[in-house]
Amino acid sequence: MQRLTLFVLISSLLALSACNTVKGVGQDLQKAGSAIEGAAKK
């Protein structure tokens, strides 16, 4: 569980660093939140 959470956080940071617009950052954060929520439900 900790590895999955760490992977999601690192992936999110990489995705955010590649994002150029505010709208894109919002979408990336939403996807990361959904991934964390899904992992927490398991």
N, C-alpha and C. Protein backbone atom coordinates (compact mmCIF):
# COMPACT_ATOMS: atom_id res chain seq x y z
N MET A 1 0.82 -1.19 0.00
CA MET A 1 0.00 0.00 0.00
C MET A 1 0.87 1.26 0.00
N GLN A 2 1.93 1.24 0.82
CA GLN A 2 2.81 2.41 0.86
C GLN A 2 3.53 2.60 -0.46
N ARG A 3 3.93 1.51 -1.09
CA ARG A 3 4.62 1.64 -2.38
C ARG A 3 3.70 2.23 -3.43
N LEU A 4 2.45 1.79 -3.43
CA LEU A 4 1.49 2.31 -4.40
C LEU A 4 1.27 3.81 -4.18
N THR A 5 1.10 4.21 -2.94
CA THR A 5 0.92 5.62 -2.62
C THR A 5 2.13 6.44 -3.04
N LEU A 6 3.31 5.93 -2.74
CA LEU A 6 4.54 6.62 -3.13
C LEU A 6 4.64 6.74 -4.65
N PHE A 7 4.30 5.67 -5.36
CA PHE A 7 4.34 5.69 -6.82
C PHE A 7 3.37 6.73 -7.37
N VAL A 8 2.17 6.77 -6.81
CA VAL A 8 1.16 7.74 -7.27
C VAL A 8 1.65 9.17 -7.02
N LEU A 9 2.22 9.42 -5.86
CA LEU A 9 2.71 10.76 -5.56
C LEU A 9 3.84 11.18 -6.49
N ILE A 10 4.78 10.28 -6.74
CA ILE A 10 5.89 10.59 -7.64
C ILE A 10 5.38 10.82 -9.06
N SER A 11 4.46 9.97 -9.49
CA SER A 11 3.88 10.13 -10.83
C SER A 11 3.15 11.46 -10.95
N SER A 12 2.45 11.84 -9.90
CA SER A 12 1.74 13.11 -9.91
C SER A 12 2.69 14.28 -10.02
N LEU A 13 3.78 14.22 -9.28
CA LEU A 13 4.76 15.30 -9.35
C LEU A 13 5.37 15.40 -10.75
N LEU A 14 5.65 14.28 -11.36
CA LEU A 14 6.19 14.30 -12.72
C LEU A 14 5.17 14.86 -13.70
N ALA A 15 3.92 14.46 -13.54
CA ALA A 15 2.87 14.95 -14.43
C ALA A 15 2.68 16.45 -14.26
N LEU A 16 2.72 16.92 -13.02
CA LEU A 16 2.57 18.34 -12.77
C LEU A 16 3.73 19.15 -13.35
N SER A 17 4.91 18.60 -13.30
CA SER A 17 6.06 19.33 -13.83
C SER A 17 6.01 19.42 -15.35
N ALA A 18 5.30 18.50 -15.98
CA ALA A 18 5.18 18.51 -17.43
C ALA A 18 4.01 19.37 -17.90
N CYS A 19 3.18 19.79 -16.99
CA CYS A 19 1.97 20.53 -17.34
C CYS A 19 2.29 22.02 -17.53
N ASN A 20 1.70 22.63 -18.57
CA ASN A 20 2.01 24.03 -18.88
C ASN A 20 0.89 25.00 -18.56
N THR A 21 -0.30 24.50 -18.28
CA THR A 21 -1.42 25.41 -18.06
C THR A 21 -2.06 25.16 -16.71
N VAL A 22 -2.76 26.14 -16.21
CA VAL A 22 -3.46 26.01 -14.93
C VAL A 22 -4.56 24.96 -15.04
N LYS A 23 -5.25 24.95 -16.17
CA LYS A 23 -6.31 23.96 -16.37
C LYS A 23 -5.72 22.56 -16.35
N GLY A 24 -4.59 22.38 -16.96
CA GLY A 24 -3.94 21.07 -16.98
C GLY A 24 -3.51 20.63 -15.59
N VAL A 25 -3.04 21.57 -14.77
CA VAL A 25 -2.66 21.25 -13.39
C VAL A 25 -3.88 20.76 -12.63
N GLY A 26 -4.99 21.42 -12.81
CA GLY A 26 -6.23 21.00 -12.13
C GLY A 26 -6.64 19.60 -12.53
N GLN A 27 -6.53 19.30 -13.81
CA GLN A 27 -6.88 17.96 -14.29
C GLN A 27 -5.92 16.92 -13.72
N ASP A 28 -4.66 17.24 -13.69
CA ASP A 28 -3.66 16.31 -13.14
C ASP A 28 -3.93 16.05 -11.66
N LEU A 29 -4.24 17.10 -10.91
CA LEU A 29 -4.53 16.93 -9.48
C LEU A 29 -5.77 16.08 -9.27
N GLN A 30 -6.76 16.29 -10.13
CA GLN A 30 -7.99 15.51 -10.02
C GLN A 30 -7.72 14.02 -10.29
N LYS A 31 -6.92 13.74 -11.29
CA LYS A 31 -6.57 12.35 -11.61
C LYS A 31 -5.78 11.71 -10.47
N ALA A 32 -4.85 12.47 -9.91
CA ALA A 32 -4.05 11.95 -8.80
C ALA A 32 -4.94 11.67 -7.59
N GLY A 33 -5.87 12.56 -7.32
CA GLY A 33 -6.80 12.36 -6.21
C GLY A 33 -7.65 11.13 -6.41
N SER A 34 -8.09 10.92 -7.64
CA SER A 34 -8.90 9.74 -7.95
C SER A 34 -8.08 8.46 -7.77
N ALA A 35 -6.83 8.48 -8.18
CA ALA A 35 -5.97 7.31 -8.04
C ALA A 35 -5.72 7.00 -6.57
N ILE A 36 -5.48 8.01 -5.77
CA ILE A 36 -5.26 7.80 -4.34
C ILE A 36 -6.52 7.29 -3.67
N GLU A 37 -7.65 7.86 -4.06
CA GLU A 37 -8.93 7.41 -3.49
C GLU A 37 -9.20 5.96 -3.84
N GLY A 38 -8.91 5.57 -5.07
CA GLY A 38 -9.09 4.19 -5.49
C GLY A 38 -8.17 3.25 -4.73
N ALA A 39 -6.95 3.67 -4.49
CA ALA A 39 -6.01 2.85 -3.75
C ALA A 39 -6.44 2.71 -2.29
N ALA A 40 -7.01 3.76 -1.75
CA ALA A 40 -7.45 3.73 -0.35
C ALA A 40 -8.65 2.81 -0.15
N LYS A 41 -9.49 2.67 -1.18
CA LYS A 41 -10.67 1.82 -1.08
C LYS A 41 -10.32 0.35 -1.10
N LYS A 42 -9.14 0.01 -1.63
CA LYS A 42 -8.74 -1.40 -1.74
C LYS A 42 -8.31 -1.93 -0.45
